[in-house]
Protein backbone atom coordinates (compact mmCIF):
# COMPACT_ATOMS: atom_id res chain seq x y z
CA MET A 1 0.21 0.24 -0.03
CA LYS A 2 3.01 2.40 1.27
CA ALA A 3 4.75 1.21 -2.28
CA SER A 4 1.83 2.26 -4.12
CA ARG A 5 1.13 5.47 -2.84
CA ARG A 6 4.52 6.40 -3.21
CA ALA A 7 4.36 5.56 -6.79
CA ALA A 8 1.14 7.56 -7.56
CA GLY A 9 3.09 10.38 -5.49
CA HIS A 10 5.91 10.19 -7.94
CA ARG A 11 3.60 10.24 -10.79
CA LEU A 12 1.77 13.44 -9.69
CA LYS A 13 5.35 15.57 -9.36
CA SER A 14 6.69 14.35 -12.56
CA ALA A 15 2.96 15.25 -13.92
CA GLY A 16 3.53 18.81 -12.38
CA ARG A 17 6.81 19.45 -13.57
CA PRO A 18 7.30 20.60 -16.94
CA VAL A 19 8.18 18.14 -19.82
CA ARG A 20 11.36 18.49 -21.38
CA ALA A 21 10.73 18.71 -25.76
CA ALA A 22 12.58 16.25 -27.94
CA THR A 23 15.90 17.79 -29.56
CA VAL A 24 15.56 18.71 -33.30
CA ARG A 25 18.43 18.26 -34.92
CA PRO A 26 19.00 21.26 -37.91
CA VAL A 27 18.65 20.44 -41.63
CA GLY A 28 21.83 21.14 -43.44
CA ARG A 29 22.75 24.46 -45.35
CA TRP A 30 23.81 22.42 -48.23
CA ARG A 31 20.47 19.93 -48.69
CA PHE A 32 18.20 23.40 -48.57
CA TRP A 33 20.30 24.85 -51.29
CA ALA A 34 20.40 21.28 -53.41
CA VAL A 35 16.52 20.83 -53.51
CA ASN A 36 16.17 24.36 -55.04
CA LEU A 37 18.53 23.99 -57.26
CA VAL A 38 17.42 20.74 -59.07
CA GLY A 39 13.54 22.51 -58.69
CA LEU A 40 14.85 25.61 -60.83
CA ALA A 41 17.25 23.18 -63.02
CA MET A 42 13.76 21.20 -63.92
CA GLY A 43 11.91 24.43 -64.63
CA GLY A 44 14.82 25.53 -67.18
CA VAL A 45 14.76 22.55 -68.68
CA LEU A 46 10.92 22.73 -69.48
CA VAL A 47 11.10 26.40 -70.27
CA ALA A 48 13.80 25.61 -72.89
CA ARG A 49 11.60 22.91 -74.23
CA ILE A 50 8.66 24.95 -74.42
CA ALA A 51 10.52 27.39 -75.96
CA ALA A 52 12.17 25.19 -78.36
CA LEU A 53 8.80 23.72 -79.60
CA GLN A 54 6.95 27.07 -79.81
CA VAL A 55 9.99 30.09 -80.02
CA LEU A 56 13.25 28.43 -81.50
CA PRO A 57 13.76 27.82 -85.30
CA ASN A 58 15.12 25.15 -86.85
CA GLN A 59 14.66 22.47 -84.12
CA PRO A 60 13.66 19.14 -84.25
CA GLN A 61 9.91 18.74 -84.06
CA GLY A 62 9.85 22.05 -82.82
CA ALA A 63 8.08 25.22 -83.62
CA GLU A 64 8.10 25.16 -87.35
CA PHE A 65 7.02 21.21 -87.54
CA LEU A 66 3.76 21.59 -85.09
CA GLN A 67 3.16 24.52 -87.33
CA ASP A 68 3.32 22.66 -90.16
CA GLN A 69 1.60 19.37 -88.45
CA GLY A 70 -1.27 21.85 -87.83
CA GLN A 71 -1.48 23.34 -91.26
CA VAL A 72 -1.65 19.58 -92.77
CA ARG A 73 -4.42 19.17 -90.62
CA THR A 74 -6.15 21.98 -90.89
CA LEU A 75 -4.80 24.27 -94.02
CA ARG A 76 -6.17 23.20 -97.40
CA GLU A 77 -6.00 24.55 -100.86
CA ARG A 78 -9.18 23.99 -102.59
CA VAL A 79 -9.76 24.18 -106.38
CA ILE A 80 -12.14 26.70 -108.05
CA PRO A 81 -13.04 24.91 -111.42
CA ALA A 82 -12.69 26.79 -114.16
CA TYR A 83 -16.04 27.46 -116.12
CA ARG A 84 -15.88 25.22 -119.91
CA GLY A 85 -16.38 27.61 -122.66
CA ILE A 86 -19.81 27.30 -124.35
CA ILE A 87 -20.56 26.03 -127.63
CA THR A 88 -23.14 27.66 -129.71
CA ASP A 89 -24.37 27.65 -133.60
CA ARG A 90 -23.33 29.94 -136.32
CA HIS A 91 -26.25 32.39 -134.76
CA GLY A 92 -25.08 32.30 -131.34
CA ALA A 93 -27.58 29.68 -129.45
CA PRO A 94 -26.22 27.11 -127.03
CA LEU A 95 -25.49 23.74 -127.68
CA ALA A 96 -23.18 23.02 -124.91
CA ILE A 97 -23.27 24.93 -121.46
CA SER A 98 -22.10 24.15 -117.81
CA THR A 99 -24.32 24.12 -115.00
CA GLN A 100 -22.60 24.43 -111.33
CA MET A 101 -22.88 20.96 -109.85
CA TYR A 102 -21.78 19.99 -106.17
CA SER A 103 -19.72 16.78 -105.53
CA LEU A 104 -19.67 15.20 -101.45
CA TRP A 105 -16.73 13.84 -100.02
CA VAL A 106 -15.40 12.06 -97.06
CA GLU A 107 -12.50 12.01 -95.16
CA PRO A 108 -12.89 8.21 -94.46
CA ALA A 109 -11.12 8.05 -90.76
CA ALA A 110 -13.19 10.71 -89.71
CA VAL A 111 -16.82 9.08 -90.03
CA GLU A 112 -18.39 7.76 -86.71
CA GLU A 113 -19.98 4.50 -86.99
CA ALA A 114 -23.49 5.69 -85.79
CA GLN A 115 -23.33 8.01 -88.76
CA LEU A 116 -22.51 5.41 -91.59
CA PRO A 117 -26.29 4.66 -92.34
CA GLN A 118 -26.68 8.53 -92.59
CA LEU A 119 -23.68 8.23 -94.97
CA ALA A 120 -25.01 5.30 -96.81
CA GLU A 121 -28.18 6.87 -97.70
CA LEU A 122 -26.21 10.04 -99.33
CA ALA A 123 -23.75 7.44 -101.27
CA GLY A 124 -27.03 5.23 -102.78
CA LEU A 125 -25.06 2.54 -100.83
CA GLY A 126 -25.75 -0.34 -98.51
CA VAL A 127 -24.34 0.27 -94.86
CA SER A 128 -21.66 -2.79 -95.31
CA GLU A 129 -20.79 -1.53 -99.03
CA LEU A 130 -19.95 2.09 -97.12
CA ARG A 131 -18.31 0.73 -94.79
CA ALA A 132 -15.81 -1.85 -97.21
CA ARG A 133 -16.03 1.37 -99.46
CA LEU A 134 -14.30 3.30 -96.24
CA GLN A 135 -11.94 0.73 -95.51
CA ASN A 136 -10.44 0.43 -98.83
CA TYR A 137 -9.69 4.44 -98.74
CA ALA A 138 -8.74 4.32 -94.91
CA GLY A 139 -5.02 5.66 -95.28
CA ARG A 140 -6.55 8.25 -97.70
CA GLN A 141 -7.87 11.58 -96.36
CA PHE A 142 -10.81 12.22 -99.11
CA MET A 143 -13.58 9.77 -100.96
CA TYR A 144 -16.08 10.95 -103.32
CA VAL A 145 -19.67 9.99 -101.62
CA ARG A 146 -21.46 11.10 -104.39
CA ARG A 147 -20.89 13.10 -107.97
CA GLY A 148 -23.51 15.37 -109.43
CA MET A 149 -25.22 17.77 -106.75
CA THR A 150 -27.61 20.15 -107.05
CA PRO A 151 -26.84 23.09 -104.24
CA ALA A 152 -29.61 22.79 -102.59
CA GLN A 153 -29.02 19.01 -102.03
CA ALA A 154 -25.38 19.33 -101.62
CA GLU A 155 -26.72 21.94 -98.56
CA ALA A 156 -29.14 19.86 -96.99
CA ALA A 157 -26.58 16.63 -96.92
CA LEU A 158 -23.63 19.10 -95.12
CA ALA A 159 -26.49 19.76 -92.74
CA ALA A 160 -26.80 16.39 -91.58
CA GLY A 161 -23.61 17.00 -89.45
CA ILE A 162 -21.94 14.49 -90.43
CA ARG A 163 -18.40 14.09 -89.46
CA GLY A 164 -15.58 14.39 -91.85
CA LEU A 165 -18.18 15.38 -94.71
CA GLY A 166 -17.80 18.10 -96.93
CA ALA A 167 -18.67 19.23 -100.58
CA GLU A 168 -16.92 20.92 -103.40
CA SER A 169 -18.38 22.82 -106.53
CA GLU A 170 -17.79 21.54 -110.08
CA TYR A 171 -19.86 22.01 -113.56
CA GLN A 172 -21.90 19.71 -114.85
CA ARG A 173 -22.18 19.84 -118.92
CA PHE A 174 -25.66 20.62 -120.44
CA TYR A 175 -27.00 19.91 -123.82
CA PRO A 176 -30.11 21.75 -124.52
CA GLU A 177 -30.47 20.49 -128.32
CA LYS A 178 -29.87 16.81 -127.16
CA GLU A 179 -30.28 14.13 -130.18
CA VAL A 180 -30.08 16.96 -132.52
CA THR A 181 -26.43 17.96 -132.51
CA ALA A 182 -25.11 15.21 -130.20
CA GLN A 183 -22.70 13.54 -132.64
CA VAL A 184 -21.40 16.62 -133.96
CA VAL A 185 -20.55 18.62 -129.83
CA GLY A 186 -19.81 15.39 -128.32
CA LEU A 187 -20.04 15.33 -124.80
CA THR A 188 -17.77 15.60 -121.93
CA ASP A 189 -17.12 12.69 -118.69
CA ILE A 190 -18.13 13.15 -114.99
CA ASP A 191 -15.24 15.84 -114.14
CA ASP A 192 -16.28 18.11 -116.85
CA ARG A 193 -13.67 16.76 -119.74
CA GLY A 194 -13.99 16.29 -123.48
CA ILE A 195 -14.04 12.35 -124.52
CA GLU A 196 -16.30 12.74 -128.08
CA GLY A 197 -16.78 14.93 -130.70
CA LEU A 198 -16.00 18.64 -130.66
CA GLU A 199 -16.20 18.83 -126.92
CA LEU A 200 -12.88 16.49 -127.28
CA GLY A 201 -11.32 18.06 -130.36
CA TYR A 202 -10.99 21.55 -128.81
CA GLU A 203 -10.45 20.47 -125.59
CA GLN A 204 -7.32 22.33 -124.84
CA SER A 205 -9.11 25.89 -125.40
CA LEU A 206 -13.11 24.65 -124.15
CA ARG A 207 -11.60 23.72 -120.84
CA GLY A 208 -10.11 26.61 -119.20
CA THR A 209 -7.36 26.53 -116.35
CA ALA A 210 -9.05 25.83 -112.65
CA GLY A 211 -7.89 28.35 -110.23
CA ARG A 212 -6.88 27.70 -106.05
CA ARG A 213 -7.23 29.09 -102.80
CA ARG A 214 -5.97 28.34 -99.45
CA VAL A 215 -8.66 27.75 -96.87
CA LEU A 216 -8.53 27.06 -92.87
CA GLN A 217 -11.23 24.27 -92.02
CA ASP A 218 -12.39 22.37 -88.77
CA LEU A 219 -12.67 18.77 -88.51
CA ARG A 220 -15.57 18.52 -90.40
CA GLY A 221 -13.65 19.92 -93.51
CA GLN A 222 -15.73 23.02 -93.31
CA VAL A 223 -14.17 25.96 -94.44
CA VAL A 224 -13.25 28.39 -91.04
CA LYS A 225 -11.33 30.94 -93.12
CA ASP A 226 -10.58 31.79 -96.59
CA LEU A 227 -7.00 33.11 -96.77
CA GLY A 228 -6.66 34.01 -99.98
CA LEU A 229 -6.64 33.25 -104.05
CA VAL A 230 -3.39 31.28 -104.90
CA ARG A 231 -4.43 31.01 -108.63
CA ALA A 232 -6.59 32.72 -110.19
CA VAL A 233 -9.07 30.33 -112.02
CA GLU A 234 -9.09 31.42 -116.31
CA PRO A 235 -12.85 30.35 -118.00
CA GLY A 236 -12.30 28.57 -121.16
CA ALA A 237 -13.03 30.08 -124.51
CA ASP A 238 -16.71 29.86 -126.38
CA LEU A 239 -16.84 27.86 -129.59
CA ALA A 240 -19.07 29.18 -132.30
CA LEU A 241 -19.58 26.43 -134.72
CA THR A 242 -20.45 26.84 -138.50
CA LEU A 243 -23.42 24.71 -137.86
CA ASP A 244 -27.12 26.47 -138.66
CA LEU A 245 -29.27 24.51 -135.51
CA ARG A 246 -32.27 25.46 -138.34
CA ILE A 247 -31.09 23.44 -141.30
CA GLN A 248 -29.31 21.02 -138.54
CA TYR A 249 -32.88 20.58 -137.24
CA LEU A 250 -34.79 19.91 -140.82
CA GLY A 251 -31.87 17.24 -141.55
CA TYR A 252 -32.40 15.48 -137.83
CA ARG A 253 -36.00 15.07 -138.16
CA ALA A 254 -36.26 14.10 -141.98
CA LEU A 255 -33.43 12.00 -140.93
CA LYS A 256 -35.28 10.04 -138.11
CA ALA A 257 -38.62 9.98 -139.74
CA ALA A 258 -36.55 8.36 -143.10
CA VAL A 259 -34.94 5.64 -141.38
CA ALA A 260 -38.10 4.48 -139.49
CA ARG A 261 -40.04 4.79 -143.00
CA HIS A 262 -37.57 2.50 -144.28
CA ARG A 263 -36.63 0.43 -141.33
CA ALA A 264 -33.18 1.99 -141.72
CA ARG A 265 -29.91 0.69 -139.30
CA ALA A 266 -28.17 4.05 -140.05
CA ALA A 267 -28.10 7.60 -142.14
CA SER A 268 -26.14 10.43 -142.26
CA MET A 269 -26.48 13.70 -143.83
CA VAL A 270 -24.37 16.80 -144.35
CA VAL A 271 -25.01 20.07 -145.81
CA MET A 272 -22.38 22.41 -146.53
CA ASN A 273 -22.11 26.19 -148.14
CA PRO A 274 -19.95 24.95 -151.21
CA ARG A 275 -18.32 28.50 -151.73
CA SER A 276 -16.77 28.82 -147.72
CA GLY A 277 -16.44 24.95 -146.91
CA GLU A 278 -18.98 25.59 -143.74
CA VAL A 279 -20.65 23.04 -142.71
CA LEU A 280 -24.48 24.30 -141.95
CA ALA A 281 -26.11 20.57 -140.95
CA LEU A 282 -24.02 17.52 -139.95
CA VAL A 283 -26.73 14.88 -138.72
CA SER A 284 -26.43 11.48 -137.96
CA GLN A 285 -28.82 8.33 -136.98
CA PRO A 286 -29.55 6.70 -134.72
CA SER A 287 -28.73 9.47 -132.54
CA PHE A 288 -28.75 9.50 -128.28
CA ASN A 289 -29.50 12.01 -125.61
CA PRO A 290 -26.42 13.34 -123.78
CA ASN A 291 -28.04 14.74 -121.11
CA VAL A 292 -29.32 10.96 -120.14
CA ARG A 293 -25.88 8.86 -119.95
CA ALA A 294 -27.73 5.86 -118.97
CA GLN A 295 -28.74 5.33 -121.82
CA PHE A 296 -25.51 5.44 -124.26
CA SER A 297 -24.83 3.38 -127.29
CA PRO A 298 -21.73 3.39 -128.61
CA LEU A 299 -23.39 3.06 -132.14
CA ALA A 300 -25.39 5.93 -131.47
CA MET A 301 -22.48 7.87 -130.79
CA ARG A 302 -20.73 7.71 -134.04
CA ASN A 303 -20.99 10.85 -135.95
CA ARG A 304 -21.28 8.90 -139.38
CA ALA A 305 -21.04 11.52 -141.45
CA VAL A 306 -17.62 11.70 -140.92
CA VAL A 307 -16.23 8.72 -139.13
CA ASP A 308 -17.87 6.15 -141.37
CA SER A 309 -16.79 5.33 -144.81
CA PHE A 310 -18.84 3.03 -148.02
CA GLU A 311 -18.27 2.55 -151.33
CA PRO A 312 -20.30 5.35 -152.74
CA GLY A 313 -21.77 3.83 -155.93
CA SER A 314 -23.38 5.78 -158.90
CA VAL A 315 -22.81 9.08 -156.93
CA VAL A 316 -19.10 9.20 -158.35
CA LYS A 317 -20.21 9.02 -161.85
CA PRO A 318 -20.38 12.65 -162.50
CA PHE A 319 -16.48 12.52 -162.13
CA THR A 320 -15.95 9.89 -164.23
CA LEU A 321 -17.50 11.43 -167.13
CA LEU A 322 -15.79 14.88 -166.31
CA ALA A 323 -12.41 12.98 -166.30
CA ALA A 324 -13.44 11.71 -169.89
CA MET A 325 -14.57 14.92 -170.51
CA GLU A 326 -10.98 16.58 -169.40
CA GLN A 327 -9.35 14.28 -171.45
CA GLY A 328 -11.14 15.53 -174.52
CA ALA A 329 -12.64 11.74 -175.18
CA LEU A 330 -16.15 12.73 -175.60
CA THR A 331 -18.91 15.81 -174.64
CA PRO A 332 -22.26 15.69 -172.85
CA ASP A 333 -23.61 14.88 -176.01
CA THR A 334 -20.89 12.42 -177.53
CA ARG A 335 -23.76 9.11 -178.38
CA ILE A 336 -22.38 5.59 -176.68
CA ASP A 337 -24.16 2.39 -177.81
CA THR A 338 -25.41 0.59 -174.64
CA ALA A 339 -27.35 -1.84 -176.74
CA PRO A 340 -28.32 -4.91 -175.57
CA GLY A 341 -28.22 -3.09 -172.22
CA TYR A 342 -25.24 -5.15 -170.93
CA LEU A 343 -21.63 -5.59 -171.38
CA ASP A 344 -18.73 -8.69 -170.56
CA VAL A 345 -15.89 -7.55 -168.83
CA GLN A 346 -13.72 -10.14 -168.12
CA GLY A 347 -15.84 -12.45 -167.26
CA LYS A 348 -17.93 -10.33 -165.70
CA ARG A 349 -21.36 -9.42 -166.38
CA ILE A 350 -22.29 -5.44 -166.04
CA GLU A 351 -25.93 -4.96 -166.74
CA ASP A 352 -28.43 -2.01 -167.10
CA PRO A 353 -31.92 -2.66 -165.94
CA ARG A 354 -33.43 -2.47 -169.45
CA ASN A 355 -31.71 -2.07 -172.75
CA HIS A 356 -31.48 1.83 -172.84
CA GLY A 357 -29.74 1.74 -176.79
CA ALA A 358 -27.40 4.85 -177.67
CA LEU A 359 -27.48 7.32 -175.57
CA SER A 360 -26.26 10.71 -175.27
CA VAL A 361 -23.58 10.99 -172.46
CA ARG A 362 -25.98 13.79 -170.72
CA GLU A 363 -28.44 10.78 -170.96
CA ILE A 364 -26.31 8.28 -169.80
CA LEU A 365 -25.84 10.00 -166.25
CA ALA A 366 -29.87 11.28 -165.80
CA LEU A 367 -30.32 7.12 -166.42
CA SER A 368 -27.14 6.35 -164.59
CA SER A 369 -26.55 3.46 -167.24
CA GLN A 370 -23.86 1.28 -165.77
CA VAL A 371 -23.19 0.20 -169.75
CA GLY A 372 -22.85 3.74 -170.77
CA THR A 373 -20.15 4.51 -167.86
CA VAL A 374 -17.89 1.53 -168.32
CA LYS A 375 -18.16 2.02 -171.74
CA VAL A 376 -16.90 5.74 -171.42
CA ALA A 377 -14.59 4.53 -169.09
CA LEU A 378 -12.63 2.41 -171.27
CA ARG A 379 -12.15 4.82 -173.21
CA THR A 380 -10.50 7.23 -170.60
CA ALA A 381 -6.81 6.56 -169.25
CA PRO A 382 -6.98 4.86 -166.16
CA GLU A 383 -4.48 7.48 -164.50
CA GLN A 384 -7.00 10.44 -165.54
CA VAL A 385 -10.18 9.00 -164.00
CA HIS A 386 -7.93 8.40 -160.35
CA GLY A 387 -6.31 11.75 -161.29
CA VAL A 388 -9.73 13.59 -160.98
CA PHE A 389 -11.11 11.27 -157.75
CA GLN A 390 -7.87 12.29 -155.94
CA ARG A 391 -8.34 15.97 -157.23
CA VAL A 392 -11.59 16.60 -155.51
CA GLY A 393 -10.89 15.20 -152.30
CA LEU A 394 -11.61 11.52 -152.05
CA GLY A 395 -8.71 9.35 -150.60
CA ARG A 396 -7.52 11.89 -147.56
CA PRO A 397 -9.47 13.23 -144.95
CA PRO A 398 -10.90 16.34 -145.66
CA GLY A 399 -9.21 17.99 -142.63
CA SER A 400 -12.25 19.56 -140.98
CA GLY A 401 -10.94 18.53 -137.40
CA PHE A 402 -13.40 16.41 -135.74
CA PRO A 403 -11.83 13.37 -134.14
CA GLY A 404 -12.06 10.49 -135.80
CA GLU A 405 -12.42 11.76 -139.69
CA GLN A 406 -11.67 9.19 -141.83
CA GLY A 407 -10.16 9.73 -145.26
CA GLY A 408 -11.31 6.91 -147.10
CA SER A 409 -9.75 4.90 -149.45
CA LEU A 410 -8.40 5.42 -153.12
CA PRO A 411 -6.60 2.39 -154.68
CA GLU A 412 -3.13 3.33 -156.22
CA ARG A 413 -2.28 0.54 -159.13
CA GLY A 414 0.83 0.68 -161.27
CA ARG A 415 -1.41 -1.63 -163.76
CA TRP A 416 -5.02 -1.67 -164.14
CA ASP A 417 -7.15 -4.71 -165.83
CA ASP A 418 -10.71 -3.51 -167.22
CA LEU A 419 -12.72 -5.25 -164.57
CA GLN A 420 -10.93 -2.59 -162.35
CA ARG A 421 -11.63 0.30 -164.33
CA ALA A 422 -14.71 -0.34 -165.13
CA THR A 423 -15.90 -1.02 -161.55
CA PHE A 424 -14.04 2.08 -160.48
CA ALA A 425 -15.96 4.33 -162.60
CA PHE A 426 -19.08 3.60 -161.00
CA GLY A 427 -18.11 3.92 -157.31
CA TYR A 428 -17.06 0.04 -156.28
CA GLY A 429 -12.81 -0.76 -155.09
CA LEU A 430 -12.91 2.86 -153.16
CA THR A 431 -14.60 4.05 -149.82
CA ALA A 432 -15.75 7.63 -148.93
CA SER A 433 -17.82 8.96 -146.24
CA ALA A 434 -20.74 11.63 -146.47
CA LEU A 435 -18.76 14.89 -145.72
CA GLN A 436 -15.53 13.82 -148.55
CA LEU A 437 -18.31 13.42 -150.97
CA ALA A 438 -20.12 16.92 -150.40
CA ARG A 439 -16.85 18.28 -150.48
CA ALA A 440 -15.90 16.66 -153.95
CA TYR A 441 -19.58 18.03 -154.90
CA ALA A 442 -18.45 21.65 -154.05
CA VAL A 443 -15.88 21.25 -156.38
CA LEU A 444 -18.29 20.94 -158.99
CA ALA A 445 -20.93 23.34 -157.27
CA ASN A 446 -18.32 26.53 -156.90
CA GLY A 447 -16.77 26.33 -159.94
CA GLY A 448 -13.48 24.12 -159.97
CA HIS A 449 -12.26 25.13 -156.57
CA LEU A 450 -11.55 22.31 -153.52
CA VAL A 451 -12.31 24.10 -150.11
CA HIS A 452 -11.68 23.07 -147.16
CA PRO A 453 -14.94 21.35 -144.69
CA ALA A 454 -15.11 23.96 -141.63
CA LEU A 455 -17.08 22.99 -138.27
CA VAL A 456 -16.07 25.82 -136.12
CA LYS A 457 -16.30 29.77 -137.47
CA GLY A 458 -13.14 31.67 -137.24
CA VAL A 459 -10.61 28.79 -137.52
CA ALA A 460 -8.17 29.63 -140.51
CA ALA A 461 -8.52 27.23 -143.20
CA ALA A 462 -5.98 27.36 -146.62
CA ARG A 463 -6.65 29.02 -149.78
CA PRO A 464 -9.29 26.91 -151.75
CA ALA A 465 -7.42 25.45 -154.98
CA VAL A 466 -8.38 25.27 -158.17
CA VAL A 467 -8.50 22.15 -159.60
CA VAL A 468 -11.03 21.62 -162.18
CA ASP A 469 -12.00 24.27 -165.79
CA ARG A 470 -14.59 26.08 -164.26
CA ALA A 471 -16.24 25.62 -167.97
CA LEU A 472 -16.18 21.47 -167.23
CA ALA A 473 -17.36 21.72 -163.78
CA ARG A 474 -20.31 24.30 -165.20
CA GLN A 475 -21.00 21.16 -167.58
CA VAL A 476 -20.97 18.46 -165.82
CA ARG A 477 -23.59 20.66 -163.51
CA GLU A 478 -26.37 20.92 -166.14
CA MET A 479 -25.87 17.26 -166.78
CA MET A 480 -26.62 16.48 -163.22
CA VAL A 481 -29.94 18.52 -164.01
CA ALA A 482 -31.15 16.06 -166.52
CA VAL A 483 -30.81 13.27 -163.59
CA VAL A 484 -33.40 15.29 -161.44
CA GLU A 485 -35.57 16.58 -163.79
CA GLN A 486 -35.68 13.71 -166.64
CA GLY A 487 -33.74 10.30 -164.32
CA THR A 488 -33.22 8.46 -161.45
CA GLY A 489 -33.59 11.90 -159.12
CA ALA A 490 -36.83 12.80 -159.70
CA ARG A 491 -37.85 12.52 -155.84
CA ALA A 492 -35.54 15.28 -155.22
CA ARG A 493 -36.94 17.97 -156.95
CA ILE A 494 -37.75 21.08 -154.93
CA ASP A 495 -40.57 23.75 -156.34
CA GLY A 496 -38.94 26.90 -157.54
CA TYR A 497 -35.70 25.58 -157.33
CA PRO A 498 -33.75 24.21 -159.90
CA VAL A 499 -31.44 20.73 -158.62
CA ALA A 500 -28.46 19.32 -159.98
CA GLY A 501 -27.41 15.81 -158.49
CA LYS A 502 -26.84 12.45 -158.71
CA THR A 503 -28.72 8.73 -157.22
CA GLY A 504 -26.50 6.20 -156.13
CA THR A 505 -27.15 2.66 -154.72
CA GLY A 506 -24.67 0.34 -153.53
CA HIS A 507 -24.39 -3.04 -152.15
CA LEU A 508 -23.40 -3.57 -148.65
CA VAL A 509 -20.33 -5.94 -147.75
CA GLY A 510 -20.63 -9.08 -145.41
CA ALA A 511 -18.50 -11.23 -143.73
CA GLY A 512 -18.71 -13.07 -147.22
CA GLY A 513 -18.14 -10.46 -149.48
CA TYR A 514 -20.93 -8.14 -151.27
CA GLU A 515 -24.44 -9.14 -150.54
CA ASP A 516 -27.50 -9.25 -152.47
CA SER A 517 -30.30 -7.86 -150.49
CA ARG A 518 -28.49 -5.08 -148.63
CA TYR A 519 -27.67 -2.11 -150.16
CA ALA A 520 -27.05 1.98 -148.98
CA ALA A 521 -28.88 4.56 -150.58
CA LEU A 522 -27.04 7.84 -151.49
CA PHE A 523 -27.96 10.95 -153.41
CA ALA A 524 -25.88 13.99 -153.47
CA GLY A 525 -26.80 17.47 -155.24
CA MET A 526 -27.05 20.94 -155.05
CA VAL A 527 -29.28 23.83 -155.29
CA PRO A 528 -29.98 25.88 -156.93
CA ALA A 529 -28.43 24.46 -159.93
CA HIS A 530 -27.27 27.65 -161.84
CA ASP A 531 -25.56 28.87 -158.40
CA PRO A 532 -26.00 26.33 -156.08
CA ALA A 533 -25.90 28.03 -152.64
CA LEU A 534 -26.14 24.82 -150.92
CA VAL A 535 -24.66 21.32 -151.36
CA ALA A 536 -25.67 18.32 -149.41
CA VAL A 537 -25.33 14.40 -149.42
CA VAL A 538 -27.90 11.70 -147.61
CA VAL A 539 -26.85 8.23 -147.12
CA VAL A 540 -29.40 5.68 -145.90
CA ILE A 541 -27.57 2.69 -144.91
CA ASP A 542 -29.20 -0.90 -145.20
CA PRO A 543 -33.44 0.34 -146.02
CA GLN A 544 -35.42 -2.64 -145.49
CA ALA A 545 -39.11 -1.41 -146.16
CA GLY A 546 -39.86 0.79 -148.96
CA GLY A 547 -37.58 0.55 -151.62
CA TYR A 548 -33.54 0.60 -151.35
CA SER A 549 -32.19 2.54 -154.29
CA GLY A 550 -31.14 5.92 -153.41
CA GLY A 551 -33.92 7.43 -155.82
CA ARG A 552 -36.42 6.16 -154.03
CA VAL A 553 -35.14 6.59 -150.70
CA ALA A 554 -32.35 9.67 -150.30
CA ALA A 555 -33.60 11.54 -152.73
CA PRO A 556 -36.94 12.82 -150.75
CA VAL A 557 -34.69 13.43 -147.60
CA PHE A 558 -32.51 16.03 -149.47
CA ALA A 559 -35.50 17.87 -151.21
CA GLU A 560 -37.68 18.03 -147.85
CA VAL A 561 -34.12 19.71 -146.26
CA MET A 562 -32.61 21.47 -149.09
CA GLY A 563 -36.24 23.37 -149.92
CA GLU A 564 -36.62 24.22 -146.24
CA ALA A 565 -33.12 26.23 -146.28
CA MET A 566 -33.43 27.44 -149.17
CA ARG A 567 -36.62 29.35 -147.60
CA ILE A 568 -34.67 30.15 -144.37
CA LEU A 569 -31.95 31.21 -146.25
CA GLN A 570 -33.75 33.73 -148.02
CA VAL A 571 -32.96 32.37 -151.66
CA ALA A 572 -35.20 33.48 -153.92
CA PRO A 573 -36.80 30.81 -156.12
CA LEU A 574 -36.92 30.75 -159.93
CA PRO A 575 -40.07 31.99 -161.49
CA SER A 576 -39.82 30.14 -165.01
CA VAL A 577 -38.93 26.62 -163.11
CA ALA A 578 -41.93 24.49 -163.12
CA GLN A 579 -43.16 23.85 -160.61
CA VAL A 580 -43.04 20.08 -160.14
CA SER A 581 -44.20 18.69 -156.60
CA PRO A 582 -41.46 16.01 -155.83
C-alpha cells in the first residue's frame, strides 16, 4: 500500500513539472540549396523545351514542325473549277453549256460508326458496302460520296452534321438540243473533260485553267477562314460552230423519219456551203441524248457523216464523166451505144435494168447507165479518172478537225485491168465518207475549187485550190440537172429551185463479200443548180422497207431539207422553173 502510494505521488510530481521536448537537429544548409537548384533546373528544362517547341527556329520537331503539322490538319488548298466554254451554233444558239453542281466527299478516318447509315443513304449504298469502301480508302484523306448534286441537295446533306463530310463545287455539262446535235458537239465525262465530238477535239481551249485558294477548315471539313487566292481561275474559251441549228434540225427530223419509214440501220447527212466550205448541218442516225448517260449506246454516238466510210457507188459517176471530158474523149452530147443493155468485162457481166440503146453522155448520167459509164471509162486513161477523183478530195481526210475523221481509200495501182477500170468508174473499189462526197460535189458547185470543210467559225483554212476547169464543172452540173428532171433523181425536185444531183445505190459488204439484199442508198446534189448556195449528201444504210435505191430512199430527204433551207436562207426561187412536186 505504501509502495503504491509512493509511486502515485511520484507520478503526480512528475505531472506537475514541465516535460522536456525531444531534441530536433537542424537541416544542413547544403541540402536546402540542392533541393532549390534541382527545382530550378527542372523548370529551366521545361521552359527551354517549351521555347524549342514554340519559339526557337530549326529545332527537330520544334515550332516549325508543329506549325506544319497543324496546317496539314487544318490548312487546305481548294480547287476553283474553271467554267468550260460555251458551244454555240453560227447564230449564237447554245449547244453546250455548263451548270454549277456539287460533289460530296468524306475523310474516311473521321466517319463515326453511328453515322454510317446516314452516309450510306447519301451515297446510295448499303451500310456494309459503304463500310467496305471506307476501309479501302482508310489510308487516304478523301473519298467521293456522291457526284453531280444540286446546291440545294448538297446544302441539305451537309446540314446532317456527318463528321468528315464536305462538298466541293464543280461544273456539269448540259446540252439544250439533246439528240439534234449530239454526235457533232459530243460530250464530257463526269470530270467535265471532253471525250467525244468537238468537246474532245477542242478540249484544250474549252476547258480553261482551274484556280486554287487556301483555306482553314475544321475537323468536319467546313471552311473556317478563307486565306486568299493562290491562283486565279481562267475560264475556257467559247466555241462558235458553223452549224445553222435551223437546218441541223431539219436534217435531224427528215433523217429520223426516213430511218423509221424504211426500217434502215443508220443514216447520215451533210449540208455545206460550197463556196466557204462551212458545214451548216451534220446529222447522224441513230442519235442519243447526251444529258441521259444511262441510255448511251456506242453505235448511236458515232458521227457517221465523218467517221464512216463506204463504197459510194453511182454518185461518183459525174467525176468519171468529167475525167473523160477533161481528156477530150467526149462531150455531153457524144452518143454511146449501150445495146443490148449489158456488157461482159473479163467474165463479169455489167448490165442496166433495161436496154437503153444509144444514149448521149448526158442521158447516160441521167439514167445512171452502168453500161454507158463503163464504155466511157474504157475510153479514158485510168490515171485520168484516178487523178480527178484524187483532185476533188477523195482518198484523203477532208481536214474538218473532227476527231476520228476518215479519209476513205483510193486504190493506187501500177497497172489497171479492164474490170478494175469498169468497177472503179461507177464507185466500187474505193471508199468515202459523206463529208468527203459533199466536199467533192462542192468542187462542181463552186466552179472548180477544192474547199476545206469547216465546223468551227474563225478557224483559218488554206485558200481553196483550183482543181477543175470552171467551164467543165458547169457542164457537169448542167448534166446533173437532167438526173433530177428526167432521170433517177425525180424525187429530189424542189418547187421553184432547179436541183443538180446524182443518185447512188451500192451493195453493202458483209463477212462473205457483197450482200445482194443489203444496200446503201445515196443522193448527192446542189441547189439552185445555176448558182448553188448549198450542197448536200444523204446516205441511208440498209433500208428494209419502201425501196432501197438512192432515188426512192435518199432523194426525198434531200428535197425536204433543202427546200426548207432555201426559204430559211432567203434564196429567191426562180419563176421560170416549173412548179413540180417531188
